[in-house]
Amino acid sequence: MLKVPNATKKTVKIFRAKENISGILKEAVANSGLRGKRRIFIKPNLSHPEYLPGVVTCPELMHQLVGLLRDGSSEVIVGESNGFNYPCWTAFEKTGVEAAVKKAGGTVINLSEDKVVEVKFQGNTPLKRLFLPKTILDADAVVDLPLMKTHEFTAYSGAIKNLFGCVPSNRRIYLHPYLPEVFYRLYTLFKPQLTIMDARIGIEGNGPTKGKPVKMDLMLTGNDALAIDITAAKVMMLNWKETYLNYIANKTGLREEEIRVEGLQVSEVAHRFEPPHIDLPVKAQMMVYQHEYLTKMLFCSLDVVRLFQKVTTAYRGTPVEVG
């Protein structure tokens, strides 16, 4: 059963990564403590129904990682949930992730079809419960595979934001009024034992799927998703304390100086990512997201969302992000 975070030293290693990533993955797995785990769950980033470098987890990376983990565990499961406007199975197939996982001896699961467990939260919190996939809660360990991206609504999208895709209902958009608390709960419930951020290609501007690619040639690995996120945000030259990461750090008591960075240092690889352009459609949607009932009203059906996206496209040439 999964454990809540402990006081283990938070370590992040930054690698220069171009073509051959085998050595990086082998080192990350060897240092992860995952050997001997009976069931390992991997959360990729399939935020688009087709493969786009920097937007979706690389199938070749997935193939190599599953193969490494299968050498030391009896079962490796890769899971994702349905998108707001596309089924997870479509993304698994068209991105090539499903074929890569199965070739390496792993299995894939649509979390939106999994059994769910109601997890209740006590105390003074606006978030009273989450319905989460039983497969993840029953896993012996979680591996998180985020990408380095900006985000239209949260400024930054990384390891902890990637866990949001574990919420099985495609109506998880209704949780947006409580996102910092949701992210904190997912982080402390799942607590990924290994996080591997593929930052060979990053996304800047209005990410996570419609931003501009940035060639970074980096990979970040570590034993703590929040430490990875804080380090990645610093590499992107974003102020992490102005994002939801600060909320989670305050709730967990993590201080920036407690993060040990190995390999390349942030100062050697930092590159200023263009922040999201907060135009009128984004401002409007951010205002909606502050209110539970307005969020449910606007996103009650795909037809309403498509209408909103058409208006946005007419205004600026591209649709607004949803999800």
C-alpha atoms as a PDB file:
ATOM      1  CA  MET A   1       0.000   0.000   0.000  1.00  0.00           C
ATOM      2  CA  LEU A   2       1.227   3.492  -0.796  1.00  0.00           C
ATOM      3  CA  LYS A   3       2.833   5.606   1.910  1.00  0.00           C
ATOM      4  CA  VAL A   4       2.733   9.318   2.651  1.00  0.00           C
ATOM      5  CA  PRO A   5       5.932  11.350   2.193  1.00  0.00           C
ATOM      6  CA  ASN A   6       8.757  10.785   4.658  1.00  0.00           C
ATOM      7  CA  ALA A   7      11.766  12.800   5.701  1.00  0.00           C
ATOM      8  CA  THR A   8      14.112  11.259   3.089  1.00  0.00           C
ATOM      9  CA  LYS A   9      16.610  13.696   1.610  1.00  0.00           C
ATOM     10  CA  LYS A  10      15.169  15.223  -1.560  1.00  0.00           C
ATOM     11  CA  THR A  11      17.633  14.649  -4.390  1.00  0.00           C
ATOM     12  CA  VAL A  12      17.377  15.773  -8.013  1.00  0.00           C
ATOM     13  CA  LYS A  13      19.926  14.911 -10.690  1.00  0.00           C
ATOM     14  CA  ILE A  14      20.119  16.915 -13.914  1.00  0.00           C
ATOM     15  CA  PHE A  15      21.549  15.155 -16.974  1.00  0.00           C
ATOM     16  CA  ARG A  16      22.513  16.333 -20.423  1.00  0.00           C
ATOM     17  CA  ALA A  17      20.430  14.080 -22.664  1.00  0.00           C
ATOM     18  CA  LYS A  18      20.364  13.980 -26.445  1.00  0.00           C
ATOM     19  CA  GLU A  19      19.946  10.652 -28.208  1.00  0.00           C
ATOM     20  CA  ASN A  20      21.091   7.854 -25.876  1.00  0.00           C
ATOM     21  CA  ILE A  21      19.084   7.913 -22.653  1.00  0.00           C
ATOM     22  CA  SER A  22      19.640   4.266 -21.667  1.00  0.00           C
ATOM     23  CA  GLY A  23      22.364   5.074 -19.161  1.00  0.00           C
ATOM     24  CA  ILE A  24      20.273   7.774 -17.493  1.00  0.00           C
ATOM     25  CA  LEU A  25      17.296   5.448 -17.087  1.00  0.00           C
ATOM     26  CA  LYS A  26      19.453   2.593 -15.763  1.00  0.00           C
ATOM     27  CA  GLU A  27      21.038   4.863 -13.141  1.00  0.00           C
ATOM     28  CA  ALA A  28      17.669   6.308 -12.104  1.00  0.00           C
ATOM     29  CA  VAL A  29      16.118   2.853 -11.662  1.00  0.00           C
ATOM     30  CA  ALA A  30      19.178   1.503  -9.850  1.00  0.00           C
ATOM     31  CA  ASN A  31      19.042   4.342  -7.314  1.00  0.00           C
ATOM     32  CA  SER A  32      15.257   4.310  -6.889  1.00  0.00           C
ATOM     33  CA  GLY A  33      14.821   1.416  -4.472  1.00  0.00           C
ATOM     34  CA  LEU A  34      12.219  -0.108  -6.790  1.00  0.00           C
ATOM     35  CA  ARG A  35      13.939  -3.477  -7.049  1.00  0.00           C
ATOM     36  CA  GLY A  36      11.766  -6.173  -5.515  1.00  0.00           C
ATOM     37  CA  LYS A  37       8.520  -4.212  -5.711  1.00  0.00           C
ATOM     38  CA  ARG A  38       5.761  -6.593  -6.757  1.00  0.00           C
ATOM     39  CA  ARG A  39       3.562  -4.112  -8.614  1.00  0.00           C
ATOM     40  CA  ILE A  40       4.751  -0.795 -10.058  1.00  0.00           C
ATOM     41  CA  PHE A  41       2.424   1.787 -11.565  1.00  0.00           C
ATOM     42  CA  ILE A  42       3.754   4.281 -14.131  1.00  0.00           C
ATOM     43  CA  LYS A  43       1.966   7.531 -14.923  1.00  0.00           C
ATOM     44  CA  PRO A  44       2.943   8.903 -18.356  1.00  0.00           C
ATOM     45  CA  ASN A  45       1.783  12.213 -19.811  1.00  0.00           C
ATOM     46  CA  LEU A  46      -0.745  11.555 -22.586  1.00  0.00           C
ATOM     47  CA  SER A  47      -2.257  15.029 -22.673  1.00  0.00           C
ATOM     48  CA  HIS A  48      -2.750  14.844 -26.446  1.00  0.00           C
ATOM     49  CA  PRO A  49      -4.271  11.998 -28.504  1.00  0.00           C
ATOM     50  CA  GLU A  50      -1.273  11.885 -30.864  1.00  0.00           C
ATOM     51  CA  TYR A  51       2.474  11.905 -30.239  1.00  0.00           C
ATOM     52  CA  LEU A  52       4.073  15.344 -30.129  1.00  0.00           C
ATOM     53  CA  PRO A  53       7.634  15.663 -28.728  1.00  0.00           C
ATOM     54  CA  GLY A  54       7.586  17.637 -25.488  1.00  0.00           C
ATOM     55  CA  VAL A  55       3.805  17.289 -25.185  1.00  0.00           C
ATOM     56  CA  VAL A  56       3.450  13.512 -24.809  1.00  0.00           C
ATOM     57  CA  THR A  57       5.700  10.935 -23.146  1.00  0.00           C
ATOM     58  CA  CYS A  58       8.159   9.413 -25.611  1.00  0.00           C
ATOM     59  CA  PRO A  59       7.264   5.792 -26.543  1.00  0.00           C
ATOM     60  CA  GLU A  60      10.938   4.775 -26.731  1.00  0.00           C
ATOM     61  CA  LEU A  61      11.583   6.121 -23.222  1.00  0.00           C
ATOM     62  CA  MET A  62       8.529   4.194 -22.032  1.00  0.00           C
ATOM     63  CA  HIS A  63       9.749   0.989 -23.686  1.00  0.00           C
ATOM     64  CA  GLN A  64      13.176   1.200 -22.089  1.00  0.00           C
ATOM     65  CA  LEU A  65      11.851   2.077 -18.636  1.00  0.00           C
ATOM     66  CA  VAL A  66       9.237  -0.685 -18.549  1.00  0.00           C
ATOM     67  CA  GLY A  67      11.887  -3.180 -19.649  1.00  0.00           C
ATOM     68  CA  LEU A  68      14.214  -2.104 -16.843  1.00  0.00           C
ATOM     69  CA  LEU A  69      11.494  -2.300 -14.213  1.00  0.00           C
ATOM     70  CA  ARG A  70      10.210  -5.654 -15.452  1.00  0.00           C
ATOM     71  CA  ASP A  71      13.652  -7.127 -14.724  1.00  0.00           C
ATOM     72  CA  GLY A  72      13.072  -6.583 -11.041  1.00  0.00           C
ATOM     73  CA  SER A  73       9.304  -6.728 -10.495  1.00  0.00           C
ATOM     74  CA  SER A  74       6.497  -9.072 -11.388  1.00  0.00           C
ATOM     75  CA  GLU A  75       4.124  -6.477 -12.836  1.00  0.00           C
ATOM     76  CA  VAL A  76       4.487  -3.037 -14.409  1.00  0.00           C
ATOM     77  CA  ILE A  77       1.260  -1.178 -15.185  1.00  0.00           C
ATOM     78  CA  VAL A  78       1.069   2.023 -17.229  1.00  0.00           C
ATOM     79  CA  GLY A  79      -2.119   4.015 -16.769  1.00  0.00           C
ATOM     80  CA  GLU A  80      -3.861   7.156 -17.953  1.00  0.00           C
ATOM     81  CA  SER A  81      -7.425   8.499 -17.817  1.00  0.00           C
ATOM     82  CA  ASN A  82      -9.765   9.662 -20.545  1.00  0.00           C
ATOM     83  CA  GLY A  83      -9.261  13.217 -21.750  1.00  0.00           C
ATOM     84  CA  PHE A  84     -12.143  15.666 -21.694  1.00  0.00           C
ATOM     85  CA  ASN A  85     -12.768  15.209 -25.414  1.00  0.00           C
ATOM     86  CA  TYR A  86     -10.956  11.985 -26.345  1.00  0.00           C
ATOM     87  CA  PRO A  87     -10.772   8.442 -24.915  1.00  0.00           C
ATOM     88  CA  CYS A  88      -7.589   7.234 -23.302  1.00  0.00           C
ATOM     89  CA  TRP A  89      -7.400   4.191 -25.573  1.00  0.00           C
ATOM     90  CA  THR A  90      -7.111   6.486 -28.592  1.00  0.00           C
ATOM     91  CA  ALA A  91      -4.115   8.226 -27.011  1.00  0.00           C
ATOM     92  CA  PHE A  92      -2.501   4.915 -26.039  1.00  0.00           C
ATOM     93  CA  GLU A  93      -2.768   3.679 -29.622  1.00  0.00           C
ATOM     94  CA  LYS A  94      -1.959   6.807 -31.639  1.00  0.00           C
ATOM     95  CA  THR A  95       0.989   7.916 -29.497  1.00  0.00           C
ATOM     96  CA  GLY A  96       2.583   4.481 -29.756  1.00  0.00           C
ATOM     97  CA  VAL A  97       2.780   4.162 -25.961  1.00  0.00           C
ATOM     98  CA  GLU A  98       0.576   1.060 -25.757  1.00  0.00           C
ATOM     99  CA  ALA A  99       2.674  -0.854 -28.286  1.00  0.00           C
ATOM    100  CA  ALA A 100       5.906   0.229 -26.563  1.00  0.00           C
ATOM    101  CA  VAL A 101       4.672  -0.884 -23.138  1.00  0.00           C
ATOM    102  CA  LYS A 102       3.422  -4.277 -24.310  1.00  0.00           C
ATOM    103  CA  LYS A 103       6.609  -4.950 -26.273  1.00  0.00           C
ATOM    104  CA  ALA A 104       8.562  -4.428 -23.050  1.00  0.00           C
ATOM    105  CA  GLY A 105       6.346  -6.818 -21.086  1.00  0.00           C
ATOM    106  CA  GLY A 106       4.128  -4.303 -19.295  1.00  0.00           C
ATOM    107  CA  THR A 107       0.379  -3.748 -19.367  1.00  0.00           C
ATOM    108  CA  VAL A 108      -1.716  -0.643 -19.952  1.00  0.00           C
ATOM    109  CA  ILE A 109      -4.882   0.407 -18.190  1.00  0.00           C
ATOM    110  CA  ASN A 110      -7.506   3.063 -18.804  1.00  0.00           C
ATOM    111  CA  LEU A 111      -7.952   4.453 -15.294  1.00  0.00           C
ATOM    112  CA  SER A 112     -11.400   5.735 -16.254  1.00  0.00           C
ATOM    113  CA  GLU A 113     -12.496   2.082 -16.465  1.00  0.00           C
ATOM    114  CA  ASP A 114     -10.829   1.012 -13.210  1.00  0.00           C
ATOM    115  CA  LYS A 115     -12.560   0.403  -9.888  1.00  0.00           C
ATOM    116  CA  VAL A 116     -12.551   3.561  -7.781  1.00  0.00           C
ATOM    117  CA  VAL A 117     -11.974   4.097  -4.087  1.00  0.00           C
ATOM    118  CA  GLU A 118     -13.444   7.039  -2.178  1.00  0.00           C
ATOM    119  CA  VAL A 119     -10.713   8.777  -0.202  1.00  0.00           C
ATOM    120  CA  LYS A 120     -12.107  11.179   2.421  1.00  0.00           C
ATOM    121  CA  PHE A 121     -10.230  14.097   3.963  1.00  0.00           C
ATOM    122  CA  GLN A 122     -10.777  15.318   7.501  1.00  0.00           C
ATOM    123  CA  GLY A 123     -10.308  18.775   8.937  1.00  0.00           C
ATOM    124  CA  ASN A 124     -10.769  22.280   7.628  1.00  0.00           C
ATOM    125  CA  THR A 125     -10.310  21.661   3.907  1.00  0.00           C
ATOM    126  CA  PRO A 126     -12.482  22.702   0.952  1.00  0.00           C
ATOM    127  CA  LEU A 127     -11.801  19.326  -0.630  1.00  0.00           C
ATOM    128  CA  LYS A 128     -13.751  16.647   1.222  1.00  0.00           C
ATOM    129  CA  ARG A 129     -13.092  13.599  -0.972  1.00  0.00           C
ATOM    130  CA  LEU A 130     -11.536  12.232  -4.138  1.00  0.00           C
ATOM    131  CA  PHE A 131     -12.515   9.153  -6.097  1.00  0.00           C
ATOM    132  CA  LEU A 132      -9.264   7.484  -7.176  1.00  0.00           C
ATOM    133  CA  PRO A 133      -8.313   4.343  -9.123  1.00  0.00           C
ATOM    134  CA  LYS A 134      -7.885   1.232  -7.025  1.00  0.00           C
ATOM    135  CA  THR A 135      -4.998   0.066  -9.220  1.00  0.00           C
ATOM    136  CA  ILE A 136      -2.812   2.988  -8.141  1.00  0.00           C
ATOM    137  CA  LEU A 137      -3.779   2.840  -4.488  1.00  0.00           C
ATOM    138  CA  ASP A 138      -2.961  -0.884  -4.435  1.00  0.00           C
ATOM    139  CA  ALA A 139       0.402  -0.468  -6.174  1.00  0.00           C
ATOM    140  CA  ASP A 140       3.629  -1.001  -4.247  1.00  0.00           C
ATOM    141  CA  ALA A 141       5.242   2.010  -5.917  1.00  0.00           C
ATOM    142  CA  VAL A 142       4.456   4.809  -8.368  1.00  0.00           C
ATOM    143  CA  VAL A 143       6.752   6.164 -11.089  1.00  0.00           C
ATOM    144  CA  ASP A 144       5.947   9.624 -12.479  1.00  0.00           C
ATOM    145  CA  LEU A 145       6.942  10.574 -16.051  1.00  0.00           C
ATOM    146  CA  PRO A 146       6.283  14.304 -16.501  1.00  0.00           C
ATOM    147  CA  LEU A 147       7.475  16.749 -19.139  1.00  0.00           C
ATOM    148  CA  MET A 148       8.850  20.283 -18.780  1.00  0.00           C
ATOM    149  CA  LYS A 149       6.017  22.626 -19.755  1.00  0.00           C
ATOM    150  CA  THR A 150       4.341  25.903 -19.040  1.00  0.00           C
ATOM    151  CA  HIS A 151       0.565  25.922 -18.555  1.00  0.00           C
ATOM    152  CA  GLU A 152      -2.065  28.485 -19.520  1.00  0.00           C
ATOM    153  CA  PHE A 153      -3.854  28.351 -16.182  1.00  0.00           C
ATOM    154  CA  THR A 154      -1.295  27.154 -13.641  1.00  0.00           C
ATOM    155  CA  ALA A 155       1.818  28.822 -15.154  1.00  0.00           C
ATOM    156  CA  TYR A 156       3.802  25.598 -14.710  1.00  0.00           C
ATOM    157  CA  SER A 157       3.000  21.975 -15.526  1.00  0.00           C
ATOM    158  CA  GLY A 158       5.250  19.195 -14.298  1.00  0.00           C
ATOM    159  CA  ALA A 159       5.426  16.116 -12.093  1.00  0.00           C
ATOM    160  CA  ILE A 160       2.652  16.839  -9.597  1.00  0.00           C
ATOM    161  CA  LYS A 161       0.364  18.287 -12.265  1.00  0.00           C
ATOM    162  CA  ASN A 162       0.898  15.050 -14.219  1.00  0.00           C
ATOM    163  CA  LEU A 163      -0.709  13.148 -11.333  1.00  0.00           C
ATOM    164  CA  PHE A 164      -3.941  15.046 -11.984  1.00  0.00           C
ATOM    165  CA  GLY A 165      -4.487  12.667 -14.909  1.00  0.00           C
ATOM    166  CA  CYS A 166      -4.883   9.868 -12.348  1.00  0.00           C
ATOM    167  CA  VAL A 167      -8.309  11.254 -11.408  1.00  0.00           C
ATOM    168  CA  PRO A 168     -10.421   8.857 -13.479  1.00  0.00           C
ATOM    169  CA  SER A 169     -13.421  11.036 -14.304  1.00  0.00           C
ATOM    170  CA  ASN A 170     -13.025  13.235 -17.361  1.00  0.00           C
ATOM    171  CA  ARG A 171     -15.072  15.695 -15.316  1.00  0.00           C
ATOM    172  CA  ARG A 172     -11.996  16.276 -13.155  1.00  0.00           C
ATOM    173  CA  ILE A 173     -12.138  19.766 -14.616  1.00  0.00           C
ATOM    174  CA  TYR A 174     -14.774  20.388 -11.924  1.00  0.00           C
ATOM    175  CA  LEU A 175     -11.923  20.194  -9.387  1.00  0.00           C
ATOM    176  CA  HIS A 176     -10.216  23.293 -10.804  1.00  0.00           C
ATOM    177  CA  PRO A 177     -11.535  25.616  -8.057  1.00  0.00           C
ATOM    178  CA  TYR A 178      -9.518  23.488  -5.596  1.00  0.00           C
ATOM    179  CA  LEU A 179      -6.452  22.641  -7.716  1.00  0.00           C
ATOM    180  CA  PRO A 180      -3.644  23.441  -5.218  1.00  0.00           C
ATOM    181  CA  GLU A 181      -5.338  21.279  -2.581  1.00  0.00           C
ATOM    182  CA  VAL A 182      -6.069  18.524  -5.137  1.00  0.00           C
ATOM    183  CA  PHE A 183      -2.426  18.488  -6.229  1.00  0.00           C
ATOM    184  CA  TYR A 184      -1.247  18.378  -2.620  1.00  0.00           C
ATOM    185  CA  ARG A 185      -3.523  15.413  -1.884  1.00  0.00           C
ATOM    186  CA  LEU A 186      -2.469  13.473  -4.990  1.00  0.00           C
ATOM    187  CA  TYR A 187       1.203  14.079  -4.191  1.00  0.00           C
ATOM    188  CA  THR A 188       0.870  12.874  -0.600  1.00  0.00           C
ATOM    189  CA  LEU A 189      -1.357   9.921  -1.479  1.00  0.00           C
ATOM    190  CA  PHE A 190       0.613   8.537  -4.425  1.00  0.00           C
ATOM    191  CA  LYS A 191       4.078   9.834  -3.460  1.00  0.00           C
ATOM    192  CA  PRO A 192       6.017   8.735  -6.552  1.00  0.00           C
ATOM    193  CA  GLN A 193       9.120   6.820  -5.538  1.00  0.00           C
ATOM    194  CA  LEU A 194      10.831   7.752  -8.804  1.00  0.00           C
ATOM    195  CA  THR A 195      10.222  10.773 -11.026  1.00  0.00           C
ATOM    196  CA  ILE A 196      11.825  11.057 -14.452  1.00  0.00           C
ATOM    197  CA  MET A 197      11.227  14.337 -16.254  1.00  0.00           C
ATOM    198  CA  ASP A 198      11.964  14.186 -19.966  1.00  0.00           C
ATOM    199  CA  ALA A 199      13.106  17.728 -20.749  1.00  0.00           C
ATOM    200  CA  ARG A 200      14.827  17.068 -24.046  1.00  0.00           C
ATOM    201  CA  ILE A 201      12.077  19.194 -25.556  1.00  0.00           C
ATOM    202  CA  GLY A 202      10.221  21.653 -23.326  1.00  0.00           C
ATOM    203  CA  ILE A 203       7.060  23.628 -24.027  1.00  0.00           C
ATOM    204  CA  GLU A 204       6.892  27.381 -23.410  1.00  0.00           C
ATOM    205  CA  GLY A 205       4.150  29.955 -23.819  1.00  0.00           C
ATOM    206  CA  ASN A 206       0.564  28.761 -23.739  1.00  0.00           C
ATOM    207  CA  GLY A 207       1.192  25.107 -22.899  1.00  0.00           C
ATOM    208  CA  PRO A 208       0.726  22.352 -22.034  1.00  0.00           C
ATOM    209  CA  THR A 209      -0.257  21.199 -25.547  1.00  0.00           C
ATOM    210  CA  LYS A 210      -0.381  24.348 -27.702  1.00  0.00           C
ATOM    211  CA  GLY A 211       2.801  26.130 -26.639  1.00  0.00           C
ATOM    212  CA  LYS A 212       6.094  26.414 -28.501  1.00  0.00           C
ATOM    213  CA  PRO A 213       8.798  23.703 -28.348  1.00  0.00           C
ATOM    214  CA  VAL A 214      12.144  24.546 -26.715  1.00  0.00           C
ATOM    215  CA  LYS A 215      15.186  22.327 -27.275  1.00  0.00           C
ATOM    216  CA  MET A 216      16.687  21.737 -23.825  1.00  0.00           C
ATOM    217  CA  ASP A 217      18.435  18.336 -24.159  1.00  0.00           C
ATOM    218  CA  LEU A 218      17.943  17.615 -20.449  1.00  0.00           C
ATOM    219  CA  MET A 219      16.509  14.961 -18.176  1.00  0.00           C
ATOM    220  CA  LEU A 220      15.795  15.347 -14.463  1.00  0.00           C
ATOM    221  CA  THR A 221      15.490  12.359 -12.153  1.00  0.00           C
ATOM    222  CA  GLY A 222      14.796  12.144  -8.445  1.00  0.00           C
ATOM    223  CA  ASN A 223      13.041  10.600  -5.493  1.00  0.00           C
ATOM    224  CA  ASP A 224      10.550  13.415  -4.881  1.00  0.00           C
ATOM    225  CA  ALA A 225       8.082  14.935  -7.347  1.00  0.00           C
ATOM    226  CA  LEU A 226       7.895  18.303  -5.587  1.00  0.00           C
ATOM    227  CA  ALA A 227      11.690  18.634  -5.536  1.00  0.00           C
ATOM    228  CA  ILE A 228      11.767  17.835  -9.263  1.00  0.00           C
ATOM    229  CA  ASP A 229       9.105  20.479  -9.920  1.00  0.00           C
ATOM    230  CA  ILE A 230      10.837  23.204  -7.928  1.00  0.00           C
ATOM    231  CA  THR A 231      14.138  22.454  -9.675  1.00  0.00           C
ATOM    232  CA  ALA A 232      12.505  22.338 -13.118  1.00  0.00           C
ATOM    233  CA  ALA A 233      10.727  25.645 -12.537  1.00  0.00           C
ATOM    234  CA  LYS A 234      14.081  27.199 -11.623  1.00  0.00           C
ATOM    235  CA  VAL A 235      15.636  25.776 -14.806  1.00  0.00           C
ATOM    236  CA  MET A 236      12.767  27.410 -16.736  1.00  0.00           C
ATOM    237  CA  MET A 237      13.468  30.626 -14.801  1.00  0.00           C
ATOM    238  CA  LEU A 238       9.911  30.702 -13.460  1.00  0.00           C
ATOM    239  CA  ASN A 239       9.177  31.880  -9.924  1.00  0.00           C
ATOM    240  CA  TRP A 240       7.913  28.653  -8.386  1.00  0.00           C
ATOM    241  CA  LYS A 241       6.744  30.506  -5.277  1.00  0.00           C
ATOM    242  CA  GLU A 242       4.121  32.238  -7.417  1.00  0.00           C
ATOM    243  CA  THR A 243       2.624  28.878  -8.446  1.00  0.00           C
ATOM    244  CA  TYR A 244       0.722  26.048  -6.750  1.00  0.00           C
ATOM    245  CA  LEU A 245       4.114  24.547  -5.850  1.00  0.00           C
ATOM    246  CA  ASN A 246       4.447  27.074  -3.035  1.00  0.00           C
ATOM    247  CA  TYR A 247       1.124  25.908  -1.558  1.00  0.00           C
ATOM    248  CA  ILE A 248       2.334  22.298  -1.559  1.00  0.00           C
ATOM    249  CA  ALA A 249       5.751  23.213  -0.151  1.00  0.00           C
ATOM    250  CA  ASN A 250       4.102  25.117   2.700  1.00  0.00           C
ATOM    251  CA  LYS A 251       1.724  22.236   3.430  1.00  0.00           C
ATOM    252  CA  THR A 252       4.525  19.656   3.485  1.00  0.00           C
ATOM    253  CA  GLY A 253       7.188  21.840   5.087  1.00  0.00           C
ATOM    254  CA  LEU A 254       9.673  21.414   2.240  1.00  0.00           C
ATOM    255  CA  ARG A 255      12.248  24.204   2.017  1.00  0.00           C
ATOM    256  CA  GLU A 256      14.126  24.958  -1.178  1.00  0.00           C
ATOM    257  CA  GLU A 257      17.516  24.621   0.518  1.00  0.00           C
ATOM    258  CA  GLU A 258      16.683  21.016   1.476  1.00  0.00           C
ATOM    259  CA  ILE A 259      16.787  19.964  -2.183  1.00  0.00           C
ATOM    260  CA  ARG A 260      20.161  18.542  -3.211  1.00  0.00           C
ATOM    261  CA  VAL A 261      20.896  19.003  -6.918  1.00  0.00           C
ATOM    262  CA  GLU A 262      23.453  16.610  -8.422  1.00  0.00           C
ATOM    263  CA  GLY A 263      24.989  16.375 -11.888  1.00  0.00           C
ATOM    264  CA  LEU A 264      24.522  19.596 -13.821  1.00  0.00           C
ATOM    265  CA  GLN A 265      23.560  22.613 -11.735  1.00  0.00           C
ATOM    266  CA  VAL A 266      20.578  24.872 -12.429  1.00  0.00           C
ATOM    267  CA  SER A 267      22.863  27.808 -13.271  1.00  0.00           C
ATOM    268  CA  GLU A 268      24.494  25.751 -16.053  1.00  0.00           C
ATOM    269  CA  VAL A 269      21.281  24.869 -17.854  1.00  0.00           C
ATOM    270  CA  ALA A 270      18.779  27.619 -16.984  1.00  0.00           C
ATOM    271  CA  HIS A 271      16.811  28.988 -19.907  1.00  0.00           C
ATOM    272  CA  ARG A 272      14.073  31.586 -19.605  1.00  0.00           C
ATOM    273  CA  PHE A 273      10.825  30.035 -20.801  1.00  0.00           C
ATOM    274  CA  GLU A 274       8.262  32.367 -22.286  1.00  0.00           C
ATOM    275  CA  PRO A 275       5.379  32.496 -19.779  1.00  0.00           C
ATOM    276  CA  PRO A 276       1.769  31.925 -20.856  1.00  0.00           C
ATOM    277  CA  HIS A 277       0.074  34.898 -22.493  1.00  0.00           C
ATOM    278  CA  ILE A 278      -2.886  35.684 -20.250  1.00  0.00           C
ATOM    279  CA  ASP A 279      -5.329  37.094 -22.776  1.00  0.00           C
ATOM    280  CA  LEU A 280      -9.076  37.664 -22.435  1.00  0.00           C
ATOM    281  CA  PRO A 281     -10.148  34.002 -22.961  1.00  0.00           C
ATOM    282  CA  VAL A 282      -7.643  32.780 -20.381  1.00  0.00           C
ATOM    283  CA  LYS A 283      -8.675  35.481 -17.905  1.00  0.00           C
ATOM    284  CA  ALA A 284     -12.325  34.554 -18.396  1.00  0.00           C
ATOM    285  CA  GLN A 285     -11.692  30.858 -17.859  1.00  0.00           C
ATOM    286  CA  MET A 286      -9.515  31.514 -14.808  1.00  0.00           C
ATOM    287  CA  MET A 287     -12.351  33.541 -13.299  1.00  0.00           C
ATOM    288  CA  VAL A 288     -14.763  30.685 -13.979  1.00  0.00           C
ATOM    289  CA  TYR A 289     -12.375  28.185 -12.368  1.00  0.00           C
ATOM    290  CA  GLN A 290     -12.564  30.127  -9.095  1.00  0.00           C
ATOM    291  CA  HIS A 291     -16.201  29.071  -8.643  1.00  0.00           C
ATOM    292  CA  GLU A 292     -17.389  25.470  -8.467  1.00  0.00           C
ATOM    293  CA  TYR A 293     -20.877  26.066  -9.878  1.00  0.00           C
ATOM    294  CA  LEU A 294     -19.692  28.292 -12.725  1.00  0.00           C
ATOM    295  CA  THR A 295     -17.125  25.648 -13.674  1.00  0.00           C
ATOM    296  CA  LYS A 296     -19.782  22.945 -13.753  1.00  0.00           C
ATOM    297  CA  MET A 297     -22.106  25.178 -15.751  1.00  0.00           C
ATOM    298  CA  LEU A 298     -19.538  26.094 -18.419  1.00  0.00           C
ATOM    299  CA  PHE A 299     -18.114  22.585 -18.753  1.00  0.00           C
ATOM    300  CA  CYS A 300     -21.349  20.643 -18.388  1.00  0.00           C
ATOM    301  CA  SER A 301     -21.122  19.304 -21.951  1.00  0.00           C
ATOM    302  CA  LEU A 302     -18.646  18.932 -24.782  1.00  0.00           C
ATOM    303  CA  ASP A 303     -20.889  21.055 -27.018  1.00  0.00           C
ATOM    304  CA  VAL A 304     -20.587  24.029 -24.649  1.00  0.00           C
ATOM    305  CA  VAL A 305     -16.804  23.604 -24.513  1.00  0.00           C
ATOM    306  CA  ARG A 306     -16.548  23.434 -28.305  1.00  0.00           C
ATOM    307  CA  LEU A 307     -18.586  26.618 -28.602  1.00  0.00           C
ATOM    308  CA  PHE A 308     -16.259  28.348 -26.138  1.00  0.00           C
ATOM    309  CA  GLN A 309     -13.225  27.110 -28.090  1.00  0.00           C
ATOM    310  CA  LYS A 310     -14.692  28.382 -31.376  1.00  0.00           C
ATOM    311  CA  VAL A 311     -15.151  31.832 -29.851  1.00  0.00           C
ATOM    312  CA  THR A 312     -11.590  31.698 -28.525  1.00  0.00           C
ATOM    313  CA  THR A 313     -10.219  30.630 -31.912  1.00  0.00           C
ATOM    314  CA  ALA A 314     -12.041  33.504 -33.585  1.00  0.00           C
ATOM    315  CA  TYR A 315     -10.542  35.876 -31.015  1.00  0.00           C
ATOM    316  CA  ARG A 316      -6.899  34.767 -31.079  1.00  0.00           C
ATOM    317  CA  GLY A 317      -6.480  32.088 -33.736  1.00  0.00           C
ATOM    318  CA  THR A 318      -6.052  29.097 -31.417  1.00  0.00           C
ATOM    319  CA  PRO A 319      -8.455  27.421 -28.963  1.00  0.00           C
ATOM    320  CA  VAL A 320      -8.090  27.710 -25.213  1.00  0.00           C
ATOM    321  CA  GLU A 321      -6.763  24.712 -23.240  1.00  0.00           C
ATOM    322  CA  VAL A 322      -9.277  22.481 -21.467  1.00  0.00           C
ATOM    323  CA  GLY A 323      -8.563  19.849 -18.850  1.00  0.00           C
END
